[in-house]
Amino acid sequence: MQPLDLAERFLVKFVYVATPPDVAALRVYAYEVADEGPPILLQEAKYRAPFVTGASAGRTDVTGQQLLYARSLGRELAYSCAWVQS
């Protein structure tokens, strides 16, 4: 799976591994897109299932609000992930 390109400033990759159930987890990788050279890893996070149930029916907040900052470019990335069951 390729990372999501966010305005050529950040890359974010979400990987969910469902099996085996005892190690099911969501992994999040966030990168700063550097002016030169390869992307720079800013965050690597792992969230283990079962995820905490949120306030909305059928919605589970997984990561909470995340704030990441580029090293020297004055850029901020704010994101959160939710598991939505229909």
N, C-alpha and C. Protein backbone atom coordinates (compact mmCIF):
# COMPACT_ATOMS: atom_id res chain seq x y z
N MET A 1 0.84 -1.19 0.00
CA MET A 1 0.00 0.00 0.00
C MET A 1 0.88 1.25 0.00
N GLN A 2 0.55 2.17 -0.86
CA GLN A 2 1.30 3.42 -0.96
C GLN A 2 0.78 4.43 0.08
N PRO A 3 1.66 5.27 0.59
CA PRO A 3 1.21 6.30 1.54
C PRO A 3 0.36 7.36 0.84
N LEU A 4 -0.49 8.01 1.63
CA LEU A 4 -1.29 9.13 1.13
C LEU A 4 -0.42 10.38 1.10
N ASP A 5 -0.44 11.08 -0.01
CA ASP A 5 0.33 12.32 -0.16
C ASP A 5 -0.57 13.48 0.26
N LEU A 6 -0.16 14.21 1.27
CA LEU A 6 -0.93 15.34 1.79
C LEU A 6 -0.25 16.64 1.37
N ALA A 7 -0.68 17.17 0.24
CA ALA A 7 -0.21 18.46 -0.28
C ALA A 7 1.30 18.52 -0.48
N GLU A 8 1.90 17.38 -0.78
CA GLU A 8 3.35 17.28 -0.99
C GLU A 8 4.15 17.78 0.21
N ARG A 9 3.53 17.73 1.39
CA ARG A 9 4.20 18.15 2.63
C ARG A 9 4.39 17.00 3.59
N PHE A 10 3.39 16.10 3.64
CA PHE A 10 3.44 14.94 4.52
C PHE A 10 2.97 13.72 3.73
N LEU A 11 3.44 12.55 4.17
CA LEU A 11 2.94 11.28 3.68
C LEU A 11 2.42 10.52 4.89
N VAL A 12 1.26 9.87 4.76
CA VAL A 12 0.70 9.09 5.86
C VAL A 12 0.30 7.73 5.31
N LYS A 13 0.69 6.70 6.03
CA LYS A 13 0.37 5.33 5.61
C LYS A 13 -0.31 4.62 6.77
N PHE A 14 -1.45 3.99 6.49
CA PHE A 14 -2.21 3.24 7.48
C PHE A 14 -2.20 1.77 7.06
N VAL A 15 -1.83 0.90 7.98
CA VAL A 15 -1.78 -0.53 7.70
C VAL A 15 -2.54 -1.25 8.80
N TYR A 16 -3.60 -1.99 8.41
CA TYR A 16 -4.36 -2.77 9.39
C TYR A 16 -4.07 -4.25 9.14
N VAL A 17 -3.63 -4.92 10.16
CA VAL A 17 -3.38 -6.35 10.10
C VAL A 17 -4.44 -7.02 10.97
N ALA A 18 -5.30 -7.83 10.35
CA ALA A 18 -6.44 -8.40 11.06
C ALA A 18 -6.17 -9.80 11.61
N THR A 19 -5.24 -10.53 11.01
CA THR A 19 -5.02 -11.90 11.44
C THR A 19 -3.55 -12.12 11.76
N PRO A 20 -3.27 -12.94 12.71
CA PRO A 20 -4.20 -13.62 13.59
C PRO A 20 -4.85 -12.64 14.57
N PRO A 21 -6.06 -12.94 15.04
CA PRO A 21 -6.82 -12.00 15.89
C PRO A 21 -6.09 -11.55 17.15
N ASP A 22 -5.22 -12.39 17.70
CA ASP A 22 -4.54 -12.00 18.94
C ASP A 22 -3.46 -10.96 18.73
N VAL A 23 -3.10 -10.67 17.48
CA VAL A 23 -2.13 -9.61 17.21
C VAL A 23 -2.69 -8.54 16.26
N ALA A 24 -4.01 -8.51 16.09
CA ALA A 24 -4.64 -7.51 15.22
C ALA A 24 -4.26 -6.12 15.68
N ALA A 25 -3.90 -5.27 14.72
CA ALA A 25 -3.46 -3.92 15.08
C ALA A 25 -3.51 -3.00 13.87
N LEU A 26 -3.65 -1.71 14.15
CA LEU A 26 -3.52 -0.67 13.15
C LEU A 26 -2.17 -0.01 13.36
N ARG A 27 -1.41 0.11 12.29
CA ARG A 27 -0.12 0.80 12.34
C ARG A 27 -0.21 2.06 11.50
N VAL A 28 0.33 3.15 12.03
CA VAL A 28 0.30 4.44 11.34
C VAL A 28 1.74 4.93 11.20
N TYR A 29 2.08 5.33 9.98
CA TYR A 29 3.40 5.88 9.70
C TYR A 29 3.19 7.26 9.08
N ALA A 30 3.83 8.27 9.64
CA ALA A 30 3.72 9.63 9.11
C ALA A 30 5.12 10.15 8.81
N TYR A 31 5.25 10.75 7.63
CA TYR A 31 6.54 11.23 7.14
C TYR A 31 6.45 12.70 6.76
N GLU A 32 7.54 13.40 6.94
CA GLU A 32 7.69 14.75 6.40
C GLU A 32 8.32 14.62 5.02
N VAL A 33 7.77 15.32 4.04
CA VAL A 33 8.38 15.34 2.71
C VAL A 33 9.46 16.42 2.75
N ALA A 34 10.68 16.00 2.64
CA ALA A 34 11.81 16.93 2.71
C ALA A 34 11.99 17.64 1.37
N ASP A 35 12.57 18.83 1.42
CA ASP A 35 12.87 19.56 0.19
C ASP A 35 13.84 18.77 -0.68
N GLU A 36 14.77 18.09 -0.02
CA GLU A 36 15.74 17.26 -0.73
C GLU A 36 15.89 15.96 0.03
N GLY A 37 16.09 14.88 -0.69
CA GLY A 37 16.31 13.60 -0.06
C GLY A 37 15.01 12.85 0.20
N PRO A 38 15.14 11.70 0.85
CA PRO A 38 13.97 10.86 1.09
C PRO A 38 13.07 11.43 2.19
N PRO A 39 11.81 10.99 2.26
CA PRO A 39 10.92 11.42 3.35
C PRO A 39 11.50 11.04 4.71
N ILE A 40 11.16 11.84 5.72
CA ILE A 40 11.68 11.65 7.07
C ILE A 40 10.56 11.16 7.97
N LEU A 41 10.77 10.03 8.63
CA LEU A 41 9.76 9.45 9.53
C LEU A 41 9.57 10.36 10.74
N LEU A 42 8.32 10.81 10.96
CA LEU A 42 7.99 11.64 12.12
C LEU A 42 7.29 10.83 13.20
N GLN A 43 6.49 9.83 12.77
CA GLN A 43 5.72 9.06 13.74
C GLN A 43 5.52 7.64 13.23
N GLU A 44 5.70 6.70 14.14
CA GLU A 44 5.34 5.30 13.90
C GLU A 44 4.53 4.88 15.12
N ALA A 45 3.26 4.56 14.90
CA ALA A 45 2.39 4.23 16.02
C ALA A 45 1.68 2.91 15.77
N LYS A 46 1.40 2.21 16.85
CA LYS A 46 0.70 0.92 16.77
C LYS A 46 -0.47 0.96 17.75
N TYR A 47 -1.65 0.64 17.24
CA TYR A 47 -2.87 0.62 18.05
C TYR A 47 -3.42 -0.79 17.99
N ARG A 48 -3.51 -1.43 19.15
CA ARG A 48 -3.96 -2.82 19.23
C ARG A 48 -5.47 -2.90 19.38
N ALA A 49 -6.06 -3.88 18.72
CA ALA A 49 -7.49 -4.17 18.88
C ALA A 49 -7.67 -4.91 20.20
N PRO A 50 -8.83 -4.83 20.83
CA PRO A 50 -10.03 -4.11 20.38
C PRO A 50 -9.88 -2.62 20.66
N PHE A 51 -10.44 -1.81 19.77
CA PHE A 51 -10.35 -0.36 19.89
C PHE A 51 -11.44 0.15 20.83
N VAL A 52 -11.16 1.25 21.51
CA VAL A 52 -12.09 1.83 22.48
C VAL A 52 -13.32 2.39 21.76
N THR A 53 -14.49 2.09 22.28
CA THR A 53 -15.74 2.57 21.67
C THR A 53 -15.88 4.07 21.89
N GLY A 54 -16.23 4.80 20.82
CA GLY A 54 -16.40 6.25 20.89
C GLY A 54 -17.80 6.64 21.32
N ALA A 55 -18.05 7.94 21.32
CA ALA A 55 -19.34 8.47 21.76
C ALA A 55 -20.45 8.23 20.75
N SER A 56 -20.12 8.14 19.46
CA SER A 56 -21.13 7.94 18.43
C SER A 56 -21.37 6.46 18.21
N ALA A 57 -22.61 6.10 17.97
CA ALA A 57 -22.95 4.70 17.71
C ALA A 57 -22.25 4.23 16.44
N GLY A 58 -21.60 3.06 16.51
CA GLY A 58 -20.93 2.50 15.36
C GLY A 58 -19.58 3.11 15.06
N ARG A 59 -19.11 4.05 15.88
CA ARG A 59 -17.84 4.73 15.63
C ARG A 59 -16.91 4.48 16.80
N THR A 60 -15.67 4.16 16.49
CA THR A 60 -14.67 3.89 17.51
C THR A 60 -13.46 4.78 17.25
N ASP A 61 -13.09 5.60 18.22
CA ASP A 61 -11.91 6.45 18.10
C ASP A 61 -10.69 5.58 18.32
N VAL A 62 -9.78 5.59 17.37
CA VAL A 62 -8.61 4.72 17.45
C VAL A 62 -7.39 5.49 17.94
N THR A 63 -7.09 6.62 17.32
CA THR A 63 -5.82 7.30 17.60
C THR A 63 -5.94 8.50 18.52
N GLY A 64 -7.14 9.05 18.67
CA GLY A 64 -7.24 10.35 19.34
C GLY A 64 -6.64 11.41 18.44
N GLN A 65 -6.66 12.64 18.85
CA GLN A 65 -6.10 13.74 18.05
C GLN A 65 -4.58 13.66 18.08
N GLN A 66 -3.97 13.63 16.91
CA GLN A 66 -2.52 13.57 16.77
C GLN A 66 -2.03 14.87 16.13
N LEU A 67 -0.98 15.44 16.66
CA LEU A 67 -0.37 16.65 16.11
C LEU A 67 1.10 16.35 15.84
N LEU A 68 1.51 16.54 14.59
CA LEU A 68 2.91 16.33 14.20
C LEU A 68 3.46 17.59 13.57
N TYR A 69 4.73 17.83 13.77
CA TYR A 69 5.35 19.04 13.28
C TYR A 69 6.58 18.71 12.45
N ALA A 70 6.71 19.40 11.32
CA ALA A 70 7.90 19.25 10.49
C ALA A 70 9.11 19.78 11.25
N ARG A 71 10.25 19.25 10.95
CA ARG A 71 11.46 19.60 11.70
C ARG A 71 11.80 21.07 11.66
N SER A 72 11.77 21.69 10.49
CA SER A 72 12.19 23.09 10.42
C SER A 72 11.38 23.91 9.42
N LEU A 73 10.31 23.35 8.90
CA LEU A 73 9.58 24.04 7.85
C LEU A 73 8.33 24.77 8.35
N GLY A 74 8.05 24.72 9.64
CA GLY A 74 6.88 25.40 10.18
C GLY A 74 5.56 24.79 9.75
N ARG A 75 5.54 23.50 9.48
CA ARG A 75 4.32 22.82 9.05
C ARG A 75 3.79 21.93 10.15
N GLU A 76 2.46 21.84 10.21
CA GLU A 76 1.80 21.01 11.22
C GLU A 76 0.84 20.06 10.52
N LEU A 77 0.81 18.82 10.98
CA LEU A 77 -0.16 17.84 10.51
C LEU A 77 -1.02 17.44 11.70
N ALA A 78 -2.33 17.61 11.58
CA ALA A 78 -3.27 17.20 12.62
C ALA A 78 -4.17 16.14 12.02
N TYR A 79 -4.31 15.01 12.71
CA TYR A 79 -5.18 13.96 12.21
C TYR A 79 -5.72 13.13 13.36
N SER A 80 -6.77 12.40 13.08
CA SER A 80 -7.30 11.38 13.98
C SER A 80 -7.92 10.30 13.13
N CYS A 81 -7.98 9.10 13.65
CA CYS A 81 -8.55 7.97 12.92
C CYS A 81 -9.69 7.37 13.74
N ALA A 82 -10.72 6.97 13.04
CA ALA A 82 -11.85 6.33 13.68
C ALA A 82 -12.21 5.06 12.92
N TRP A 83 -12.65 4.07 13.64
CA TRP A 83 -13.13 2.83 13.05
C TRP A 83 -14.64 2.97 12.96
N VAL A 84 -15.19 2.90 11.75
CA VAL A 84 -16.62 3.10 11.54
C VAL A 84 -17.24 1.80 11.10
N GLN A 85 -18.24 1.35 11.86
CA GLN A 85 -18.95 0.13 11.51
C GLN A 85 -20.33 0.49 10.99
N SER A 86 -20.70 -0.07 9.85
CA SER A 86 -22.01 0.26 9.27
C SER A 86 -23.02 -0.82 9.57
